[in-house]
């Protein structure tokens, strides 16, 4: 019995005589036909879509659908007397399959591991980030409606919706990539899509050292912080590598601990077996049913967590985060958008006041000091490199002022011949305020040894 499956809905090309297609010996073969005009390509696309049966398309994987679409395109081109060379035929088939089963023109960018971010500014301007540098790609959408259809497919895949009545949405792709979508009338120049790609390879400190994001002594200190269950806030700007660093630190959490993550759009890559992942939910069409990060953090406290990891603190849930850190959930982590470690504390204070207007500033700062042990500041620098620039201990209070100590601080020394920045870490040899916890885990000497070794290594 033959293993070939007949798919009559896609049409069949009559078999050709192989001998007739070969050029006679001694005769020069004619050059390939010229590229088909855009109007002919558009007609072929429309005719092909009209002849495809949705049920047959949905039942086939992309690798089997593509050759069938190529045959159908060839049949239509023959019927319409349109010239279509093999390269155009393959490209058009791949485009149609990506539109039907994937994310259209975005598929090629998502498959490129060198790209970290994809930024779509309307249908005809798609920017990508490679190696920390942003450039305009040659990817285009047919028109705004084509881009909107792709946006709606992305949102629908995670149970969300995006249209004129709800023109903003946070979502994620099947591989975990984070997506933000803004449609007109909010986006004046057409639909805008921002995709933070999900790394296929797990990130650990060894890879971060290889990237030049930090040095071995700094990595040792952060490893000790994770093992001793210090409460850590990772601070930095957009695209500075906060989530990547949190993923690296989370790999050091003991596999026997129960971890609960709270995120707007799930993107953390925890490797432990006992992880509960919670994700927010937007309101329905009637404006009901919204579940915020604050709701999830409060509920997480009732789920017997050992650690609570909040993807990003951006609102009133900051108060609940501090409460969790102060009520026996040591080793909790979160990220925040801020330019410096000091700014991170100010932002947390402001966010707590957003949801708890009656709390005095002194009480909030006392909560912050007792809850947070370390702030790790990351930055995307002008050469495109993402580096840790500060590791700061929250020491205590002196009057109304929060006392902080820079465990590590990156000093930029200059620029290398290859255009990358060079620098060194300046370390503070002062004993940290959590020395008792380090002693409990027998890690005082490794901590001090890492500080002493910091100046010898350059990122």
Protein backbone atom coordinates (compact mmCIF):
# COMPACT_ATOMS: atom_id res chain seq x y z
CA UNK A 1 0.00 0.00 0.00
CA UNK A 2 1.38 3.38 -0.95
CA UNK A 3 2.30 5.86 1.80
CA UNK A 4 1.25 8.88 -0.31
CA UNK A 5 -1.92 10.58 0.93
CA UNK A 6 -4.13 12.13 -1.72
CA UNK A 7 -5.35 15.64 -1.00
CA UNK A 8 -7.78 16.50 -3.80
CA UNK A 9 -8.82 19.78 -2.21
CA UNK A 10 -5.44 21.30 -3.08
CA UNK A 11 -5.53 20.33 -6.77
CA UNK A 12 -3.00 18.24 -8.63
CA UNK A 13 -0.48 19.11 -11.28
CA UNK A 14 -0.44 16.70 -14.25
CA UNK A 15 2.76 14.63 -14.35
CA UNK A 16 5.37 15.88 -16.76
CA UNK A 17 7.54 13.77 -19.01
CA UNK A 18 10.96 13.97 -17.38
CA UNK A 19 12.70 13.59 -20.73
CA UNK A 20 10.81 16.51 -22.17
CA UNK A 21 12.02 18.82 -19.41
CA UNK A 22 15.69 18.12 -20.04
CA UNK A 23 17.57 20.38 -22.41
CA UNK A 24 18.89 18.66 -25.56
CA UNK A 25 22.57 17.89 -25.40
CA UNK A 26 24.72 20.68 -26.81
CA UNK A 27 21.98 23.32 -26.55
CA UNK A 28 22.18 26.21 -24.09
CA UNK A 29 19.20 26.35 -21.70
CA UNK A 30 17.14 29.52 -21.76
CA UNK A 31 17.42 31.92 -18.81
CA UNK A 32 14.79 31.70 -16.03
CA UNK A 33 11.59 33.66 -16.61
CA UNK A 34 11.46 37.19 -15.23
CA UNK A 35 9.90 37.84 -11.83
CA UNK A 36 6.14 38.11 -11.86
CA UNK A 37 4.69 41.61 -11.34
CA UNK A 38 3.11 42.44 -7.95
CA UNK A 39 -0.37 42.39 -9.48
CA UNK A 40 0.12 38.81 -10.67
CA UNK A 41 1.42 37.75 -7.24
CA UNK A 42 -1.62 39.32 -5.55
CA UNK A 43 -3.96 37.52 -7.98
CA UNK A 44 -2.24 34.19 -7.36
CA UNK A 45 -2.49 34.68 -3.62
CA UNK A 46 -6.21 35.47 -3.79
CA UNK A 47 -6.96 32.54 -6.13
CA UNK A 48 -5.01 30.12 -3.95
CA UNK A 49 -6.79 31.20 -0.76
CA UNK A 50 -10.16 30.88 -2.52
CA UNK A 51 -9.46 27.26 -3.51
CA UNK A 52 -8.13 26.05 -0.18
CA UNK A 53 -10.48 24.16 2.08
CA UNK A 54 -10.18 25.41 5.70
CA UNK A 55 -10.77 21.95 7.15
CA UNK A 56 -7.96 20.44 5.07
CA UNK A 57 -5.61 23.31 5.98
CA UNK A 58 -6.28 22.98 9.70
CA UNK A 59 -5.62 19.22 9.60
CA UNK A 60 -2.11 19.50 8.14
CA UNK A 61 1.17 20.58 9.78
CA UNK A 62 3.12 23.36 8.06
CA UNK A 63 5.78 21.04 6.62
CA UNK A 64 3.12 19.01 4.75
CA UNK A 65 0.96 21.95 3.80
CA UNK A 66 3.75 23.90 2.08
CA UNK A 67 4.40 21.48 -0.84
CA UNK A 68 0.66 21.13 -1.46
CA UNK A 69 0.30 24.91 -1.64
CA UNK A 70 3.24 25.07 -4.06
CA UNK A 71 1.52 22.58 -6.38
CA UNK A 72 -1.72 24.54 -6.23
CA UNK A 73 0.10 27.79 -7.05
CA UNK A 74 1.74 26.11 -10.03
CA UNK A 75 -1.64 24.89 -11.31
CA UNK A 76 -3.21 28.35 -10.98
CA UNK A 77 -0.23 30.00 -12.68
CA UNK A 78 -0.57 27.58 -15.61
CA UNK A 79 -4.30 28.20 -15.92
CA UNK A 80 -3.87 31.98 -15.81
CA UNK A 81 -0.82 31.94 -18.07
CA UNK A 82 1.21 33.72 -15.40
CA UNK A 83 4.97 33.40 -15.25
CA UNK A 84 6.11 32.29 -11.79
CA UNK A 85 9.68 31.14 -11.27
CA UNK A 86 10.59 28.51 -8.69
CA UNK A 87 11.96 31.00 -6.17
CA UNK A 88 8.78 33.09 -6.24
CA UNK A 89 6.67 29.98 -5.99
CA UNK A 90 8.49 28.77 -2.87
CA UNK A 91 8.43 32.23 -1.26
CA UNK A 92 4.72 32.72 -1.94
CA UNK A 93 3.88 29.25 -0.61
CA UNK A 94 5.86 29.90 2.57
CA UNK A 95 4.11 33.26 2.99
CA UNK A 96 0.65 31.73 2.57
CA UNK A 97 1.39 28.91 5.02
CA UNK A 98 2.73 31.41 7.57
CA UNK A 99 -0.45 33.49 7.17
CA UNK A 100 -2.73 30.48 7.56
CA UNK A 101 -0.98 28.63 10.38
CA UNK A 102 1.47 31.09 11.90
CA UNK A 103 2.13 34.80 12.33
CA UNK A 104 2.72 35.79 8.72
CA UNK A 105 5.85 37.88 8.04
CA UNK A 106 6.86 37.66 11.70
CA UNK A 107 7.70 33.96 11.39
CA UNK A 108 11.09 34.58 9.78
CA UNK A 109 12.05 37.05 12.51
CA UNK A 110 10.90 34.73 15.29
CA UNK A 111 13.04 31.94 13.83
CA UNK A 112 16.19 34.12 13.91
CA UNK A 113 17.95 33.44 17.24
CA UNK A 114 20.11 36.56 16.83
CA UNK A 115 17.06 38.83 17.20
CA UNK A 116 16.09 39.79 20.77
CA UNK A 117 13.25 42.26 20.10
CA UNK A 118 10.81 42.85 17.25
CA UNK A 119 9.10 46.25 16.99
CA UNK A 120 6.36 46.73 14.39
CA UNK A 121 5.48 50.37 13.72
CA UNK A 122 2.64 49.97 11.25
CA UNK A 123 2.51 47.52 8.35
CA UNK A 124 5.56 48.77 6.46
CA UNK A 125 8.12 49.52 9.19
CA UNK A 126 9.44 46.60 11.23
CA UNK A 127 12.50 47.14 13.42
CA UNK A 128 14.60 44.44 15.10
CA UNK A 129 17.28 44.43 17.77
CA UNK A 130 20.43 42.40 17.26
CA UNK A 131 23.29 42.57 19.73
CA UNK A 132 21.76 45.55 21.47
CA UNK A 133 21.48 47.58 18.23
CA UNK A 134 18.15 48.44 16.57
CA UNK A 135 17.83 48.39 12.78
CA UNK A 136 15.07 48.48 10.15
CA UNK A 137 14.33 45.05 8.64
CA UNK A 138 13.03 44.29 5.14
CA UNK A 139 9.92 42.52 6.50
CA UNK A 140 6.60 44.06 5.45
CA UNK A 141 2.91 43.35 5.92
CA UNK A 142 0.53 43.68 2.97
CA UNK A 143 -1.54 46.38 4.65
CA UNK A 144 -2.92 47.45 8.03
CA UNK A 145 -5.75 44.90 7.94
CA UNK A 146 -3.20 42.10 7.44
CA UNK A 147 -1.31 43.28 10.54
CA UNK A 148 -4.52 43.61 12.58
CA UNK A 149 -5.47 40.02 11.69
CA UNK A 150 -2.10 38.78 12.97
CA UNK A 151 -2.54 40.83 16.18
CA UNK A 152 -5.97 39.35 16.79
CA UNK A 153 -4.60 35.83 16.25
CA UNK A 154 -1.91 36.45 18.86
CA UNK A 155 -4.42 37.76 21.41
CA UNK A 156 -6.99 35.01 20.75
CA UNK A 157 -4.37 32.31 21.36
CA UNK A 158 -4.15 33.32 25.04
CA UNK A 159 -7.86 34.05 25.51
CA UNK A 160 -7.65 37.81 25.07
CA UNK A 161 -9.05 40.21 22.52
CA UNK A 162 -7.83 43.32 20.75
CA UNK A 163 -9.91 45.59 18.52
CA UNK A 164 -11.08 49.21 18.36
CA UNK A 165 -13.09 48.88 21.57
CA UNK A 166 -10.14 47.27 23.41
CA UNK A 167 -7.09 48.57 21.53
CA UNK A 168 -4.34 47.55 23.99
CA UNK A 169 -3.36 44.09 25.16
CA UNK A 170 -0.45 42.19 26.73
CA UNK A 171 -0.10 38.63 25.50
CA UNK A 172 2.47 35.94 24.85
CA UNK A 173 3.31 33.58 22.02
CA UNK A 174 3.36 29.81 22.23
CA UNK A 175 7.13 29.81 22.80
CA UNK A 176 6.77 32.24 25.74
CA UNK A 177 7.74 35.46 23.94
CA UNK A 178 6.10 38.54 25.46
CA UNK A 179 3.89 40.67 23.19
CA UNK A 180 2.35 44.12 23.58
CA UNK A 181 -0.17 45.32 20.99
CA UNK A 182 -1.62 48.82 20.45
CA UNK A 183 -4.20 49.39 17.69
CA UNK A 184 -5.72 52.56 16.22
CA UNK A 185 -7.19 54.95 17.27
CA UNK A 186 -4.54 54.93 20.03
CA UNK A 187 -1.72 54.20 17.56
CA UNK A 188 -1.92 56.98 14.99
CA UNK A 189 0.29 55.44 12.29
CA UNK A 190 -1.15 51.94 12.26
CA UNK A 191 -1.05 48.92 14.57
CA UNK A 192 2.06 48.67 16.77
CA UNK A 193 3.44 45.38 18.06
CA UNK A 194 6.37 44.92 20.45
CA UNK A 195 7.73 41.39 20.92
CA UNK A 196 10.34 40.45 23.51
CA UNK A 197 11.56 37.10 22.26
CA UNK A 198 11.80 34.11 24.54
CA UNK A 199 15.32 32.70 24.72
CA UNK A 200 15.43 29.09 23.52
CA UNK A 201 18.56 28.40 25.59
CA UNK A 202 18.38 28.52 29.36
CA UNK A 203 20.37 31.42 30.78
CA UNK A 204 22.70 30.82 33.71
CA UNK A 205 25.52 32.84 35.26
CA UNK A 206 28.15 31.12 33.12
CA UNK A 207 26.48 32.42 29.95
CA UNK A 208 25.99 35.89 31.45
CA UNK A 209 29.71 36.03 32.26
CA UNK A 210 30.43 35.00 28.69
CA UNK A 211 28.24 37.85 27.43
CA UNK A 212 30.19 40.32 29.59
CA UNK A 213 27.14 41.17 31.73
CA UNK A 214 29.08 40.61 34.97
CA UNK A 215 32.27 39.06 36.34
CA UNK A 216 32.84 35.85 38.27
CA UNK A 217 33.03 37.57 41.72
CA UNK A 218 29.74 39.40 41.13
CA UNK A 219 28.14 36.12 40.03
CA UNK A 220 29.41 34.45 43.22
CA UNK A 221 27.81 37.15 45.37
CA UNK A 222 24.46 36.80 43.57
CA UNK A 223 24.65 33.01 43.90
CA UNK A 224 25.20 33.41 47.63
CA UNK A 225 22.26 35.84 47.80
CA UNK A 226 19.98 33.24 46.19
CA UNK A 227 21.20 30.39 48.41
CA UNK A 228 20.87 32.40 51.63
CA UNK A 229 17.29 33.42 50.69
CA UNK A 230 17.92 37.15 50.55
CA UNK A 231 15.03 39.25 49.23
CA UNK A 232 16.22 40.74 45.95
CA UNK A 233 14.80 43.48 43.71
CA UNK A 234 16.25 43.70 40.19
CA UNK A 235 16.02 47.24 38.83
CA UNK A 236 16.66 48.65 35.37
CA UNK A 237 15.23 50.23 32.26
CA UNK A 238 13.23 48.62 29.48
CA UNK A 239 15.20 45.90 27.70
CA UNK A 240 18.09 46.04 30.16
CA UNK A 241 17.97 42.33 31.02
CA UNK A 242 16.03 42.26 34.30
CA UNK A 243 14.01 39.13 33.53
CA UNK A 244 17.07 37.36 32.11
CA UNK A 245 18.99 38.00 35.33
CA UNK A 246 16.04 36.85 37.44
CA UNK A 247 15.85 33.62 35.44
CA UNK A 248 19.57 33.05 36.07
CA UNK A 249 19.22 33.66 39.82
CA UNK A 250 16.13 31.46 40.07
CA UNK A 251 18.12 28.45 38.82
CA UNK A 252 19.88 28.40 42.21
CA UNK A 253 16.67 27.94 44.20
CA UNK A 254 16.45 24.57 45.94
CA UNK A 255 14.26 22.08 44.08
CA UNK A 256 12.42 21.23 47.29
CA UNK A 257 10.89 24.70 47.62
CA UNK A 258 7.40 25.69 46.54
CA UNK A 259 7.61 28.75 44.29
CA UNK A 260 4.69 30.88 43.15
CA UNK A 261 5.19 33.34 40.28
CA UNK A 262 2.92 36.30 39.56
CA UNK A 263 3.13 38.00 36.16
CA UNK A 264 1.16 40.17 33.76
CA UNK A 265 2.35 38.05 30.84
CA UNK A 266 4.13 34.85 31.85
CA UNK A 267 7.78 34.84 30.71
CA UNK A 268 9.81 33.46 33.62
CA UNK A 269 11.65 30.19 32.95
CA UNK A 270 11.90 28.45 36.31
CA UNK A 271 13.47 24.99 36.23
CA UNK A 272 12.25 23.73 39.62
CA UNK A 273 9.60 20.98 39.75
CA UNK A 274 7.33 22.69 42.31
CA UNK A 275 6.31 25.93 40.58
CA UNK A 276 2.84 27.50 40.42
CA UNK A 277 2.52 30.12 37.67
CA UNK A 278 -0.18 32.79 38.00
CA UNK A 279 -1.08 35.33 35.31
CA UNK A 280 -3.35 38.37 35.41
CA UNK A 281 -6.61 38.59 33.49
CA UNK A 282 -8.01 41.72 31.78
CA UNK A 283 -11.65 42.79 32.22
CA UNK A 284 -14.36 41.38 29.97
CA UNK A 285 -16.41 43.37 27.46
CA UNK A 286 -18.71 44.35 30.32
CA UNK A 287 -15.76 45.61 32.37
CA UNK A 288 -15.97 42.73 34.82
CA UNK A 289 -13.78 39.83 35.83
CA UNK A 290 -10.42 41.62 35.95
CA UNK A 291 -7.76 39.92 38.07
CA UNK A 292 -4.84 42.22 38.92
CA UNK A 293 -1.35 41.44 40.14
CA UNK A 294 -2.38 42.63 43.59
CA UNK A 295 -5.21 40.08 43.66
CA UNK A 296 -2.80 37.33 42.67
CA UNK A 297 -0.14 38.31 45.22
CA UNK A 298 -2.74 38.30 47.99
CA UNK A 299 -3.99 34.91 46.88
CA UNK A 300 -0.43 33.56 46.61
CA UNK A 301 0.04 34.22 50.33
CA UNK A 302 -2.72 31.65 50.99
CA UNK A 303 -1.06 28.97 48.87
CA UNK A 304 1.72 28.03 51.29
CA UNK A 305 4.61 29.44 49.21
CA UNK A 306 8.27 29.20 50.18
CA UNK A 307 9.11 32.00 47.76
CA UNK A 308 6.99 34.45 45.79
CA UNK A 309 8.45 35.82 42.56
CA UNK A 310 6.71 38.80 40.99
CA UNK A 311 7.59 39.35 37.34
CA UNK A 312 7.38 43.13 37.60
CA UNK A 313 6.08 45.44 40.30
CA UNK A 314 4.29 48.39 38.73
CA UNK A 315 1.42 49.38 41.02
CA UNK A 316 -0.28 48.91 44.36
CA UNK A 317 0.88 45.27 44.55
CA UNK A 318 4.21 46.68 45.83
CA UNK A 319 2.64 46.84 49.30
CA UNK A 320 1.64 43.18 49.17
CA UNK A 321 5.12 42.28 47.92
CA UNK A 322 6.66 43.95 50.97
CA UNK A 323 4.19 42.16 53.22
CA UNK A 324 5.15 38.82 51.69
CA UNK A 325 8.86 39.52 52.17
CA UNK A 326 8.20 40.48 55.80
CA UNK A 327 6.06 37.45 56.69
CA UNK A 328 8.42 34.51 56.33
CA UNK A 329 8.72 34.29 52.54
CA UNK A 330 12.46 34.95 52.44
CA UNK A 331 14.16 34.63 49.10
CA UNK A 332 11.40 36.39 47.20
CA UNK A 333 12.33 38.34 44.08
CA UNK A 334 10.86 40.94 41.78
CA UNK A 335 11.82 43.43 39.07
CA UNK A 336 11.09 47.14 38.81
CA UNK A 337 11.70 49.91 36.29
CA UNK A 338 14.13 52.46 37.74
CA UNK A 339 17.36 54.21 36.72
CA UNK A 340 19.32 53.68 39.97
CA UNK A 341 19.07 51.60 43.12
CA UNK A 342 18.00 54.70 45.07
CA UNK A 343 15.32 55.47 42.48
CA UNK A 344 14.02 51.90 42.85
CA UNK A 345 13.27 52.48 46.55
CA UNK A 346 11.57 55.78 45.75
CA UNK A 347 9.40 54.09 43.11
CA UNK A 348 8.40 51.32 45.52
CA UNK A 349 7.45 53.93 48.11
CA UNK A 350 5.34 55.81 45.57
CA UNK A 351 3.61 52.64 44.39
CA UNK A 352 2.74 51.64 47.96
CA UNK A 353 1.17 55.08 48.47
CA UNK A 354 -0.91 54.57 45.29
CA UNK A 355 -2.85 51.76 46.95
CA UNK A 356 -2.56 52.79 50.60
CA UNK A 357 -3.06 56.54 50.77
CA UNK A 358 -3.21 56.64 54.59
CA UNK A 359 0.25 55.22 55.26
CA UNK A 360 2.90 57.77 56.33
CA UNK A 361 6.18 57.81 54.40
CA UNK A 362 8.19 56.81 57.47
CA UNK A 363 6.12 53.64 57.95
CA UNK A 364 6.51 52.69 54.28
CA UNK A 365 10.29 53.18 54.41
CA UNK A 366 10.50 51.05 57.54
CA UNK A 367 8.65 48.28 55.68
CA UNK A 368 11.00 48.62 52.70
CA UNK A 369 14.15 48.46 54.86
CA UNK A 370 12.98 45.38 56.74
CA UNK A 371 11.80 43.61 53.57
CA UNK A 372 14.49 44.19 50.90
CA UNK A 373 18.07 43.00 51.30
CA UNK A 374 19.65 43.66 47.90
CA UNK A 375 18.92 45.79 44.84
CA UNK A 376 20.66 44.72 41.63
CA UNK A 377 20.79 47.50 39.02
CA UNK A 378 21.15 46.46 35.38
CA UNK A 379 21.64 48.78 32.41
CA UNK A 380 21.81 48.59 28.64
CA UNK A 381 24.85 50.70 27.87
CA UNK A 382 25.70 52.71 24.78
CA UNK A 383 27.63 49.86 23.12
CA UNK A 384 24.48 47.70 23.29
CA UNK A 385 25.80 45.53 26.13
CA UNK A 386 23.56 44.73 29.09
CA UNK A 387 25.54 44.83 32.33
CA UNK A 388 25.08 44.84 36.07
CA UNK A 389 26.20 48.31 37.18
CA UNK A 390 25.28 48.19 40.88
CA UNK A 391 24.69 45.62 43.59
CA UNK A 392 23.40 47.61 46.56
CA UNK A 393 22.58 46.52 50.10
CA UNK A 394 19.67 48.18 51.91
CA UNK A 395 21.29 48.69 55.32
CA UNK A 396 18.73 50.47 57.51
CA UNK A 397 17.28 53.84 58.48
CA UNK A 398 18.92 56.98 59.83
CA UNK A 399 16.12 59.36 60.68
CA UNK A 400 13.92 59.45 57.56
CA UNK A 401 16.75 58.47 55.21
CA UNK A 402 17.29 54.92 53.96
CA UNK A 403 20.95 53.97 54.29
CA UNK A 404 22.38 52.02 51.36
CA UNK A 405 25.78 50.51 50.61
CA UNK A 406 27.07 49.68 47.14
CA UNK A 407 28.44 46.14 47.42
CA UNK A 408 29.59 46.44 43.80
CA UNK A 409 29.68 49.45 41.50
CA UNK A 410 30.79 49.34 37.85
CA UNK A 411 33.27 52.01 36.74
CA UNK A 412 33.59 52.54 32.99
CA UNK A 413 37.24 52.90 31.99
CA UNK A 414 36.98 53.50 28.27
CA UNK A 415 36.24 51.95 24.91
CA UNK A 416 37.96 48.95 23.37
CA UNK A 417 39.08 48.81 19.71
CA UNK A 418 36.01 46.68 18.88
CA UNK A 419 33.69 49.44 20.17
CA UNK A 420 32.72 47.69 23.42
CA UNK A 421 33.10 49.45 26.75
CA UNK A 422 35.62 48.27 29.31
CA UNK A 423 35.29 48.72 33.03
CA UNK A 424 35.94 47.31 36.47
CA UNK A 425 33.92 46.70 39.60
CA UNK A 426 34.69 48.60 42.76
CA UNK A 427 33.73 46.52 45.81
CA UNK A 428 32.94 47.52 49.37
CA UNK A 429 34.61 45.30 51.96
CA UNK A 430 32.20 46.34 54.72
CA UNK A 431 30.42 43.47 56.44
CA UNK A 432 26.81 43.39 55.28
CA UNK A 433 23.85 43.80 57.60
CA UNK A 434 22.76 40.22 56.89
CA UNK A 435 26.05 38.74 58.16
CA UNK A 436 24.15 36.56 60.63
CA UNK A 437 22.29 34.91 57.78
CA UNK A 438 25.53 34.36 55.88
CA UNK A 439 27.02 32.78 59.01
CA UNK A 440 23.94 30.55 59.36
CA UNK A 441 24.67 29.13 55.87
CA UNK A 442 28.49 29.12 56.44
CA UNK A 443 28.96 31.57 53.56
CA UNK A 444 30.67 34.55 55.23
CA UNK A 445 34.13 33.65 53.92
CA UNK A 446 32.99 33.01 50.30
CA UNK A 447 31.14 36.38 50.39
CA UNK A 448 34.23 38.30 51.57
CA UNK A 449 36.48 36.39 49.16
CA UNK A 450 34.25 37.38 46.22
CA UNK A 451 34.41 41.03 47.28
CA UNK A 452 38.19 40.90 47.54
CA UNK A 453 38.48 39.33 44.07
CA UNK A 454 36.13 41.79 42.35
CA UNK A 455 38.70 44.37 41.25
CA UNK A 456 40.89 41.81 39.50
CA UNK A 457 38.22 40.79 36.98
CA UNK A 458 37.01 43.08 34.21
CA UNK A 459 33.67 42.70 32.34
